[in-house]
N, C-alpha and C. Protein backbone atom coordinates (compact mmCIF):
# COMPACT_ATOMS: atom_id res chain seq x y z
N MET A 1 -75.09 2.50 -14.30
CA MET A 1 -75.70 3.08 -15.47
C MET A 1 -74.77 4.19 -15.94
N ILE A 2 -74.36 4.10 -17.19
CA ILE A 2 -73.36 5.03 -17.68
C ILE A 2 -73.67 5.43 -19.11
N GLU A 3 -73.35 6.66 -19.45
CA GLU A 3 -73.60 7.16 -20.80
C GLU A 3 -72.32 7.27 -21.60
N ARG A 4 -71.20 6.95 -21.03
CA ARG A 4 -69.92 7.17 -21.70
C ARG A 4 -69.67 6.14 -22.79
N TYR A 5 -68.80 6.51 -23.72
CA TYR A 5 -68.46 5.63 -24.82
C TYR A 5 -67.61 4.46 -24.32
N GLU A 6 -67.50 3.42 -25.15
CA GLU A 6 -66.79 2.21 -24.74
C GLU A 6 -65.34 2.49 -24.36
N ARG A 7 -64.68 3.42 -25.05
CA ARG A 7 -63.30 3.75 -24.72
C ARG A 7 -63.20 4.25 -23.28
N HIS A 8 -64.15 5.11 -22.88
CA HIS A 8 -64.17 5.62 -21.52
C HIS A 8 -64.50 4.52 -20.52
N GLN A 9 -65.39 3.62 -20.91
CA GLN A 9 -65.73 2.51 -20.04
C GLN A 9 -64.51 1.63 -19.78
N ARG A 10 -63.75 1.33 -20.85
CA ARG A 10 -62.53 0.52 -20.67
C ARG A 10 -61.54 1.23 -19.76
N ASP A 11 -61.42 2.55 -19.90
CA ASP A 11 -60.49 3.31 -19.07
C ASP A 11 -60.89 3.22 -17.60
N VAL A 12 -62.19 3.36 -17.33
CA VAL A 12 -62.69 3.27 -15.95
C VAL A 12 -62.44 1.88 -15.40
N LEU A 13 -62.75 0.86 -16.18
CA LEU A 13 -62.56 -0.52 -15.71
C LEU A 13 -61.10 -0.84 -15.44
N SER A 14 -60.19 -0.26 -16.21
CA SER A 14 -58.77 -0.54 -16.01
C SER A 14 -58.28 0.00 -14.66
N LYS A 15 -58.98 0.95 -14.10
CA LYS A 15 -58.59 1.55 -12.83
C LYS A 15 -59.30 0.91 -11.63
N ALA A 16 -60.25 0.02 -11.90
CA ALA A 16 -60.99 -0.64 -10.82
C ALA A 16 -60.08 -1.64 -10.11
N PRO A 17 -60.24 -1.78 -8.79
CA PRO A 17 -59.42 -2.75 -8.04
C PRO A 17 -59.68 -4.18 -8.51
N ASP A 18 -58.65 -5.01 -8.40
CA ASP A 18 -58.80 -6.43 -8.73
C ASP A 18 -59.86 -7.06 -7.83
N GLY A 19 -60.60 -7.98 -8.38
CA GLY A 19 -61.61 -8.69 -7.60
C GLY A 19 -62.94 -7.97 -7.53
N LEU A 20 -63.02 -6.77 -8.10
CA LEU A 20 -64.27 -6.02 -8.09
C LEU A 20 -65.08 -6.41 -9.32
N ASN A 21 -66.29 -6.84 -9.11
CA ASN A 21 -67.17 -7.22 -10.21
C ASN A 21 -67.93 -5.97 -10.67
N VAL A 22 -67.64 -5.52 -11.90
CA VAL A 22 -68.25 -4.29 -12.42
C VAL A 22 -69.10 -4.65 -13.63
N ALA A 23 -70.34 -4.17 -13.63
CA ALA A 23 -71.22 -4.33 -14.79
C ALA A 23 -71.57 -2.93 -15.29
N MET A 24 -71.19 -2.65 -16.53
CA MET A 24 -71.51 -1.35 -17.14
C MET A 24 -72.78 -1.52 -17.96
N LEU A 25 -73.80 -0.81 -17.56
CA LEU A 25 -75.08 -0.86 -18.28
C LEU A 25 -75.30 0.48 -18.95
N ARG A 26 -75.46 0.44 -20.25
CA ARG A 26 -75.64 1.68 -21.02
C ARG A 26 -77.02 1.66 -21.66
N GLU A 27 -77.80 2.67 -21.36
CA GLU A 27 -79.16 2.81 -21.92
C GLU A 27 -79.96 1.52 -21.71
N THR A 28 -80.07 1.13 -20.47
CA THR A 28 -80.77 -0.11 -20.14
C THR A 28 -82.20 0.18 -19.68
N ASP A 29 -83.03 -0.83 -19.73
CA ASP A 29 -84.41 -0.67 -19.23
C ASP A 29 -84.44 -1.00 -17.73
N ARG A 30 -85.54 -0.67 -17.10
CA ARG A 30 -85.67 -0.83 -15.65
C ARG A 30 -85.56 -2.29 -15.21
N GLU A 31 -86.14 -3.21 -15.99
CA GLU A 31 -86.13 -4.61 -15.61
C GLU A 31 -84.69 -5.16 -15.60
N THR A 32 -83.91 -4.79 -16.64
CA THR A 32 -82.52 -5.25 -16.71
C THR A 32 -81.71 -4.66 -15.56
N LEU A 33 -81.94 -3.39 -15.27
CA LEU A 33 -81.23 -2.75 -14.17
C LEU A 33 -81.60 -3.40 -12.84
N ALA A 34 -82.87 -3.64 -12.62
CA ALA A 34 -83.31 -4.27 -11.37
C ALA A 34 -82.70 -5.66 -11.22
N ALA A 35 -82.63 -6.41 -12.31
CA ALA A 35 -82.03 -7.74 -12.26
C ALA A 35 -80.53 -7.66 -11.95
N ALA A 36 -79.85 -6.67 -12.53
CA ALA A 36 -78.41 -6.51 -12.28
C ALA A 36 -78.15 -6.09 -10.84
N LEU A 37 -79.03 -5.26 -10.28
CA LEU A 37 -78.85 -4.78 -8.91
C LEU A 37 -79.23 -5.82 -7.85
N ALA A 38 -79.88 -6.90 -8.26
CA ALA A 38 -80.35 -7.90 -7.31
C ALA A 38 -79.22 -8.46 -6.46
N GLU A 39 -78.00 -8.48 -7.01
CA GLU A 39 -76.87 -9.04 -6.27
C GLU A 39 -75.75 -8.02 -6.05
N ASP A 40 -75.99 -6.77 -6.37
CA ASP A 40 -74.94 -5.75 -6.28
C ASP A 40 -75.04 -4.91 -5.01
N ASP A 41 -73.89 -4.37 -4.61
CA ASP A 41 -73.82 -3.54 -3.42
C ASP A 41 -73.84 -2.04 -3.72
N TYR A 42 -73.39 -1.68 -4.93
CA TYR A 42 -73.22 -0.26 -5.26
C TYR A 42 -73.83 0.04 -6.62
N LEU A 43 -74.41 1.23 -6.72
CA LEU A 43 -74.91 1.73 -8.00
C LEU A 43 -74.24 3.07 -8.25
N ILE A 44 -73.50 3.15 -9.37
CA ILE A 44 -72.90 4.41 -9.79
C ILE A 44 -73.64 4.81 -11.05
N SER A 45 -74.23 5.98 -11.01
CA SER A 45 -75.15 6.38 -12.07
C SER A 45 -74.84 7.78 -12.59
N GLU A 46 -75.03 7.94 -13.90
CA GLU A 46 -74.90 9.25 -14.53
C GLU A 46 -76.28 9.78 -14.90
N ARG A 47 -77.20 9.71 -13.99
CA ARG A 47 -78.55 10.23 -14.16
C ARG A 47 -79.26 9.61 -15.35
N ARG A 48 -79.48 8.34 -15.28
CA ARG A 48 -80.20 7.61 -16.32
C ARG A 48 -81.49 7.07 -15.74
N GLY A 49 -82.41 7.93 -15.43
CA GLY A 49 -83.70 7.47 -14.92
C GLY A 49 -83.81 7.58 -13.42
N THR A 50 -85.02 7.44 -12.96
CA THR A 50 -85.34 7.58 -11.55
C THR A 50 -84.87 6.34 -10.77
N VAL A 51 -84.29 6.60 -9.62
CA VAL A 51 -83.94 5.52 -8.69
C VAL A 51 -84.89 5.67 -7.51
N ASN A 52 -85.86 4.77 -7.46
CA ASN A 52 -86.92 4.90 -6.47
C ASN A 52 -87.02 3.64 -5.60
N ALA A 53 -88.06 3.59 -4.78
CA ALA A 53 -88.24 2.49 -3.83
C ALA A 53 -88.35 1.14 -4.52
N SER A 54 -89.06 1.06 -5.64
CA SER A 54 -89.22 -0.24 -6.32
C SER A 54 -87.88 -0.77 -6.81
N LEU A 55 -87.01 0.12 -7.27
CA LEU A 55 -85.68 -0.31 -7.71
C LEU A 55 -84.84 -0.76 -6.51
N MET A 56 -84.97 -0.05 -5.40
CA MET A 56 -84.23 -0.44 -4.19
C MET A 56 -84.78 -1.74 -3.59
N ASP A 57 -86.08 -1.97 -3.75
CA ASP A 57 -86.67 -3.24 -3.29
C ASP A 57 -86.05 -4.42 -4.03
N ALA A 58 -85.70 -4.20 -5.30
CA ALA A 58 -85.11 -5.27 -6.11
C ALA A 58 -83.63 -5.47 -5.80
N ALA A 59 -83.05 -4.59 -4.97
CA ALA A 59 -81.62 -4.64 -4.66
C ALA A 59 -81.42 -4.74 -3.15
N PRO A 60 -81.65 -5.91 -2.57
CA PRO A 60 -81.60 -6.04 -1.10
C PRO A 60 -80.21 -5.79 -0.51
N ASP A 61 -79.14 -5.97 -1.30
CA ASP A 61 -77.78 -5.78 -0.78
C ASP A 61 -77.23 -4.38 -1.07
N LEU A 62 -78.03 -3.53 -1.70
CA LEU A 62 -77.55 -2.20 -2.09
C LEU A 62 -77.16 -1.39 -0.85
N LYS A 63 -75.92 -0.86 -0.88
CA LYS A 63 -75.42 -0.09 0.25
C LYS A 63 -75.19 1.39 -0.09
N LEU A 64 -74.91 1.65 -1.38
CA LEU A 64 -74.53 3.01 -1.75
C LEU A 64 -74.95 3.32 -3.18
N ILE A 65 -75.45 4.54 -3.37
CA ILE A 65 -75.73 5.07 -4.71
C ILE A 65 -74.84 6.29 -4.88
N LEU A 66 -74.05 6.29 -5.94
CA LEU A 66 -73.19 7.45 -6.26
C LEU A 66 -73.68 8.05 -7.55
N ARG A 67 -74.07 9.30 -7.52
CA ARG A 67 -74.53 10.02 -8.71
C ARG A 67 -73.37 10.86 -9.22
N LEU A 68 -73.03 10.68 -10.49
CA LEU A 68 -71.87 11.35 -11.08
C LEU A 68 -72.20 12.69 -11.73
N ASP A 69 -73.05 13.45 -11.18
CA ASP A 69 -73.25 14.84 -11.57
C ASP A 69 -73.96 15.53 -10.43
N GLY A 70 -74.18 16.79 -10.55
CA GLY A 70 -74.76 17.54 -9.45
C GLY A 70 -76.25 17.36 -9.28
N MET A 71 -76.91 16.66 -10.20
CA MET A 71 -78.36 16.55 -10.17
C MET A 71 -78.78 15.28 -9.42
N SER A 72 -79.61 15.45 -8.43
CA SER A 72 -80.09 14.28 -7.69
C SER A 72 -81.59 14.34 -7.46
N HIS A 73 -82.28 15.14 -8.24
CA HIS A 73 -83.72 15.31 -8.04
C HIS A 73 -84.52 14.03 -8.33
N ASP A 74 -83.94 13.11 -9.11
CA ASP A 74 -84.66 11.89 -9.45
C ASP A 74 -84.24 10.70 -8.59
N LEU A 75 -83.56 10.99 -7.49
CA LEU A 75 -83.25 9.95 -6.51
C LEU A 75 -84.24 10.06 -5.36
N ASP A 76 -84.86 8.97 -5.01
CA ASP A 76 -85.82 8.96 -3.91
C ASP A 76 -85.05 8.83 -2.60
N LEU A 77 -84.74 9.97 -2.00
CA LEU A 77 -83.92 9.99 -0.78
C LEU A 77 -84.63 9.36 0.41
N ALA A 78 -85.94 9.55 0.48
CA ALA A 78 -86.70 8.94 1.58
C ALA A 78 -86.64 7.42 1.49
N ALA A 79 -86.79 6.89 0.28
CA ALA A 79 -86.72 5.43 0.08
C ALA A 79 -85.32 4.93 0.40
N ALA A 80 -84.31 5.71 0.02
CA ALA A 80 -82.92 5.31 0.32
C ALA A 80 -82.72 5.23 1.83
N ARG A 81 -83.24 6.21 2.56
CA ARG A 81 -83.13 6.20 4.03
C ARG A 81 -83.83 4.95 4.60
N GLU A 82 -85.02 4.66 4.10
CA GLU A 82 -85.77 3.49 4.58
C GLU A 82 -85.03 2.19 4.31
N HIS A 83 -84.31 2.13 3.19
CA HIS A 83 -83.58 0.92 2.81
C HIS A 83 -82.15 0.90 3.37
N GLY A 84 -81.76 1.96 4.08
CA GLY A 84 -80.41 2.03 4.64
C GLY A 84 -79.33 2.23 3.59
N VAL A 85 -79.69 2.88 2.49
CA VAL A 85 -78.75 3.10 1.39
C VAL A 85 -78.19 4.52 1.49
N ILE A 86 -76.87 4.62 1.44
CA ILE A 86 -76.20 5.93 1.46
C ILE A 86 -76.24 6.49 0.04
N VAL A 87 -76.56 7.78 -0.07
CA VAL A 87 -76.59 8.44 -1.37
C VAL A 87 -75.54 9.55 -1.39
N CYS A 88 -74.68 9.51 -2.40
CA CYS A 88 -73.65 10.53 -2.58
C CYS A 88 -73.75 11.08 -3.99
N ARG A 89 -73.18 12.25 -4.17
CA ARG A 89 -73.09 12.78 -5.53
C ARG A 89 -71.75 13.43 -5.73
N ARG A 90 -71.27 13.33 -6.93
CA ARG A 90 -69.99 13.93 -7.29
C ARG A 90 -70.25 14.84 -8.48
N SER A 91 -70.07 16.12 -8.25
CA SER A 91 -70.33 17.11 -9.30
C SER A 91 -69.31 16.99 -10.41
N GLN A 92 -69.76 17.27 -11.62
CA GLN A 92 -68.89 17.33 -12.79
C GLN A 92 -68.57 18.80 -13.03
N GLU A 93 -67.62 19.32 -12.30
CA GLU A 93 -67.34 20.76 -12.36
C GLU A 93 -66.68 21.19 -13.65
N GLY A 94 -65.91 20.32 -14.28
CA GLY A 94 -65.23 20.69 -15.53
C GLY A 94 -66.19 21.17 -16.61
N PRO A 95 -67.19 20.35 -16.98
CA PRO A 95 -68.13 20.79 -18.01
C PRO A 95 -68.91 22.05 -17.63
N ILE A 96 -69.21 22.20 -16.34
CA ILE A 96 -69.93 23.40 -15.90
C ILE A 96 -69.06 24.63 -16.10
N ARG A 97 -67.79 24.53 -15.75
CA ARG A 97 -66.88 25.67 -15.94
C ARG A 97 -66.71 26.01 -17.41
N VAL A 98 -66.62 25.00 -18.26
CA VAL A 98 -66.49 25.25 -19.70
C VAL A 98 -67.73 25.96 -20.22
N ALA A 99 -68.90 25.50 -19.82
CA ALA A 99 -70.15 26.14 -20.27
C ALA A 99 -70.21 27.59 -19.81
N GLU A 100 -69.84 27.85 -18.57
CA GLU A 100 -69.84 29.23 -18.07
C GLU A 100 -68.87 30.10 -18.86
N PHE A 101 -67.71 29.57 -19.17
CA PHE A 101 -66.70 30.31 -19.93
C PHE A 101 -67.24 30.65 -21.33
N VAL A 102 -67.86 29.68 -21.98
CA VAL A 102 -68.40 29.91 -23.33
C VAL A 102 -69.47 30.98 -23.30
N VAL A 103 -70.35 30.94 -22.32
CA VAL A 103 -71.41 31.96 -22.23
C VAL A 103 -70.79 33.34 -22.02
N LEU A 104 -69.79 33.44 -21.16
CA LEU A 104 -69.13 34.73 -20.94
C LEU A 104 -68.43 35.22 -22.20
N GLN A 105 -67.83 34.31 -22.96
CA GLN A 105 -67.20 34.71 -24.22
C GLN A 105 -68.24 35.22 -25.22
N MET A 106 -69.40 34.58 -25.27
CA MET A 106 -70.47 35.04 -26.17
C MET A 106 -70.93 36.43 -25.76
N LEU A 107 -71.07 36.67 -24.45
CA LEU A 107 -71.48 38.00 -23.99
C LEU A 107 -70.43 39.04 -24.36
N ALA A 108 -69.14 38.70 -24.22
CA ALA A 108 -68.08 39.63 -24.59
C ALA A 108 -68.14 39.95 -26.08
N LEU A 109 -68.40 38.94 -26.90
CA LEU A 109 -68.50 39.18 -28.34
C LEU A 109 -69.71 40.05 -28.68
N LEU A 110 -70.81 39.81 -28.00
CA LEU A 110 -72.02 40.61 -28.26
C LEU A 110 -71.79 42.10 -28.00
N ARG A 111 -70.95 42.39 -27.02
CA ARG A 111 -70.66 43.80 -26.72
C ARG A 111 -69.98 44.49 -27.89
N ARG A 112 -69.29 43.71 -28.75
CA ARG A 112 -68.51 44.29 -29.84
C ARG A 112 -69.10 44.01 -31.22
N VAL A 113 -70.27 43.42 -31.28
CA VAL A 113 -70.86 43.06 -32.56
C VAL A 113 -71.02 44.27 -33.47
N MET A 114 -71.55 45.34 -32.96
CA MET A 114 -71.79 46.52 -33.80
C MET A 114 -70.48 47.11 -34.29
N GLU A 115 -69.48 47.15 -33.42
CA GLU A 115 -68.16 47.66 -33.82
C GLU A 115 -67.57 46.79 -34.94
N CYS A 116 -67.67 45.48 -34.81
CA CYS A 116 -67.16 44.57 -35.84
C CYS A 116 -67.94 44.73 -37.14
N ARG A 117 -69.23 44.95 -37.03
CA ARG A 117 -70.06 45.15 -38.22
C ARG A 117 -69.61 46.40 -38.97
N GLU A 118 -69.35 47.48 -38.22
CA GLU A 118 -68.90 48.72 -38.85
C GLU A 118 -67.56 48.53 -39.56
N VAL A 119 -66.64 47.81 -38.94
CA VAL A 119 -65.33 47.55 -39.55
C VAL A 119 -65.52 46.76 -40.84
N ALA A 120 -66.38 45.77 -40.83
CA ALA A 120 -66.63 44.96 -42.03
C ALA A 120 -67.27 45.79 -43.13
N LEU A 121 -68.20 46.66 -42.76
CA LEU A 121 -68.85 47.51 -43.77
C LEU A 121 -67.88 48.51 -44.37
N GLU A 122 -67.00 49.08 -43.54
CA GLU A 122 -65.99 50.02 -44.05
C GLU A 122 -65.02 49.34 -45.00
N ALA A 123 -64.68 48.09 -44.74
CA ALA A 123 -63.74 47.37 -45.59
C ALA A 123 -64.35 47.08 -46.96
N GLY A 124 -65.65 47.01 -47.01
CA GLY A 124 -66.32 46.77 -48.29
C GLY A 124 -66.15 45.34 -48.75
N ASP A 125 -66.47 45.14 -50.04
CA ASP A 125 -66.43 43.79 -50.60
C ASP A 125 -65.05 43.37 -51.08
N ASP A 126 -64.11 44.31 -51.16
CA ASP A 126 -62.82 44.01 -51.78
C ASP A 126 -61.75 43.59 -50.78
N TRP A 127 -62.05 43.45 -49.52
CA TRP A 127 -61.01 43.15 -48.53
C TRP A 127 -60.55 41.70 -48.57
N ALA A 128 -61.37 40.82 -49.12
CA ALA A 128 -60.98 39.41 -49.24
C ALA A 128 -61.68 38.79 -50.43
N GLU A 129 -61.10 37.70 -50.93
CA GLU A 129 -61.72 37.01 -52.06
C GLU A 129 -63.09 36.51 -51.64
N ARG A 130 -64.07 36.77 -52.46
CA ARG A 130 -65.42 36.31 -52.17
C ARG A 130 -65.50 34.82 -52.46
N ARG A 131 -66.03 34.08 -51.52
CA ARG A 131 -66.15 32.63 -51.70
C ARG A 131 -67.62 32.27 -51.85
N THR A 132 -67.88 31.54 -52.88
CA THR A 132 -69.25 31.08 -53.14
C THR A 132 -69.18 29.59 -53.40
N THR A 133 -70.30 28.99 -53.63
CA THR A 133 -70.31 27.55 -53.93
C THR A 133 -69.55 27.28 -55.23
N GLU A 134 -69.58 28.23 -56.17
CA GLU A 134 -68.83 28.03 -57.41
C GLU A 134 -67.33 28.02 -57.13
N THR A 135 -66.86 28.84 -56.19
CA THR A 135 -65.44 28.90 -55.84
C THR A 135 -64.99 27.54 -55.29
N TYR A 136 -65.81 26.91 -54.48
CA TYR A 136 -65.44 25.64 -53.87
C TYR A 136 -65.55 24.46 -54.84
N ASP A 137 -66.35 24.60 -55.87
CA ASP A 137 -66.53 23.50 -56.81
C ASP A 137 -65.36 23.31 -57.74
N ARG A 138 -64.48 24.29 -57.83
CA ARG A 138 -63.35 24.17 -58.77
C ARG A 138 -62.34 23.14 -58.37
């Protein structure tokens, strides 16, 4: 189960070993997923719905579930243990670091908002050409 665009899917598939049968399911329903897992050994998921005992019942050969983000609250770990399925997760640290950086940048800007406001007020209206919708329509 994957949320990535087709270009990313093709990139991932190009790196898969020869002889590996890969099915990319994007925004699929539970019945389609259960049918696809009926003969599969591995499920790699980007958190697209709950993986519970009923889904594992439909996948008798399932050996491993890999979750591609840090969230695993919707994986039924007890059912995985009962079915002998190994559960792993791989955190997506890049997006988390970017989000943290952006929040810190916003906080840094907030510390200087009043100072920037004062500079803008002192400059008055004549510091730059005023742009309005009429200016852009020309």
